[in-house]
Amino acid sequence: LASIGGEGVPQSALQCFACATPFVGTRVGGIPDITEDGVNGLLVTPESPDDLAAAVLKIISDPEMAATLGANARRTFDEIGSVEHMGERLRTFLGL
């Protein structure tokens, strides 16, 4: 995800995590909050197409690493992106 803005956690990031898909994102907004570089995804410098391309090529050229990143991303989703977790966050936000 080549975001340059300061949005929270993009839905596309959570969708990648949910599908156990290796994730590459920029260090902006909420992306670093859910992505541990080299564990459940790769983080790159915003507005750096060279860094983005290098990270994508790294995943493509190393299927074992891609599988590990994907599996870890799914575990992260189960922790933070599940309906149960989102419901708890909403209840907290609403003060319930």
Protein backbone atom coordinates (compact mmCIF):
# COMPACT_ATOMS: atom_id res chain seq x y z
CA LEU A 1 0.00 0.00 0.00
CA ALA A 2 1.76 3.13 -1.23
CA SER A 3 -0.09 5.57 0.99
CA ILE A 4 1.33 9.04 1.58
CA GLY A 5 -1.47 10.34 3.78
CA GLY A 6 -2.05 10.19 7.47
CA GLU A 7 -5.17 8.02 7.52
CA GLY A 8 -5.72 5.48 10.23
CA VAL A 9 -5.50 1.79 9.42
CA PRO A 10 -6.51 1.32 5.78
CA GLN A 11 -9.10 -1.37 5.09
CA SER A 12 -6.90 -2.68 2.27
CA ALA A 13 -4.17 -3.48 4.80
CA LEU A 14 -6.61 -5.40 6.99
CA GLN A 15 -7.92 -7.21 3.92
CA CYS A 16 -4.41 -8.36 3.03
CA PHE A 17 -3.88 -9.51 6.60
CA ALA A 18 -7.22 -11.36 6.62
CA CYS A 19 -6.27 -13.22 3.44
CA ALA A 20 -2.78 -14.10 4.73
CA THR A 21 -1.32 -12.10 1.84
CA PRO A 22 2.20 -10.68 2.21
CA PHE A 23 1.83 -6.94 2.84
CA VAL A 24 4.03 -4.02 1.86
CA GLY A 25 3.07 -0.61 3.19
CA THR A 26 4.49 2.82 3.83
CA ARG A 27 5.40 4.18 7.24
CA VAL A 28 2.43 6.56 7.53
CA GLY A 29 -0.80 6.78 9.48
CA GLY A 30 -1.89 3.60 11.19
CA ILE A 31 0.06 1.25 8.93
CA PRO A 32 3.10 1.01 11.27
CA ASP A 33 0.71 0.44 14.18
CA ILE A 34 -0.33 -2.92 12.76
CA THR A 35 2.71 -3.85 10.67
CA GLU A 36 5.88 -5.13 12.29
CA ASP A 37 8.55 -4.79 9.62
CA GLY A 38 9.86 -8.20 8.61
CA VAL A 39 7.36 -10.06 10.79
CA ASN A 40 3.87 -9.59 9.34
CA GLY A 41 4.76 -7.30 6.44
CA LEU A 42 7.37 -4.96 5.06
CA LEU A 43 7.44 -1.22 5.68
CA VAL A 44 8.94 1.26 3.26
CA THR A 45 9.59 4.99 3.13
CA PRO A 46 6.66 7.04 1.82
CA GLU A 47 7.04 8.44 -1.69
CA SER A 48 9.94 6.10 -2.46
CA PRO A 49 9.07 3.97 -5.48
CA ASP A 50 12.50 2.34 -5.36
CA ASP A 51 11.92 1.13 -1.78
CA LEU A 52 8.45 -0.08 -2.69
CA ALA A 53 9.70 -1.97 -5.73
CA ALA A 54 12.56 -3.52 -3.76
CA ALA A 55 10.18 -4.75 -1.05
CA VAL A 56 7.79 -6.27 -3.59
CA LEU A 57 10.68 -7.97 -5.39
CA LYS A 58 11.95 -9.29 -2.06
CA ILE A 59 8.61 -10.98 -1.42
CA ILE A 60 8.32 -12.32 -4.96
CA SER A 61 11.83 -13.77 -4.89
CA ASP A 62 11.47 -15.47 -1.50
CA PRO A 63 8.35 -17.67 -1.32
CA GLU A 64 9.25 -18.93 2.14
CA MET A 65 9.46 -15.40 3.52
CA ALA A 66 6.22 -14.52 1.71
CA ALA A 67 4.46 -17.47 3.35
CA THR A 68 5.78 -16.52 6.80
CA LEU A 69 4.76 -12.88 6.40
CA GLY A 70 1.31 -13.96 5.23
CA ALA A 71 0.79 -16.40 8.10
CA ASN A 72 1.90 -13.80 10.64
CA ALA A 73 -0.33 -11.19 9.02
CA ARG A 74 -3.30 -13.53 9.42
CA ARG A 75 -2.47 -13.99 13.11
CA THR A 76 -2.34 -10.22 13.48
CA PHE A 77 -5.73 -9.92 11.81
CA ASP A 78 -7.18 -12.50 14.17
CA GLU A 79 -5.93 -10.34 17.07
CA ILE A 80 -6.90 -6.86 15.83
CA GLY A 81 -9.24 -7.17 12.88
CA SER A 82 -11.75 -9.69 14.04
CA VAL A 83 -15.38 -8.76 14.52
CA GLU A 84 -14.94 -9.36 18.23
CA HIS A 85 -11.99 -6.98 18.47
CA MET A 86 -13.70 -4.32 16.36
CA GLY A 87 -16.83 -4.63 18.52
CA GLU A 88 -14.76 -4.17 21.66
CA ARG A 89 -13.09 -1.08 20.20
CA LEU A 90 -16.50 0.35 19.29
CA ARG A 91 -17.85 -0.34 22.79
CA THR A 92 -14.80 1.39 24.28
CA PHE A 93 -15.19 4.35 21.93
CA LEU A 94 -18.86 4.70 22.86
CA GLY A 95 -18.10 4.27 26.56
CA LEU A 96 -20.22 1.17 26.90
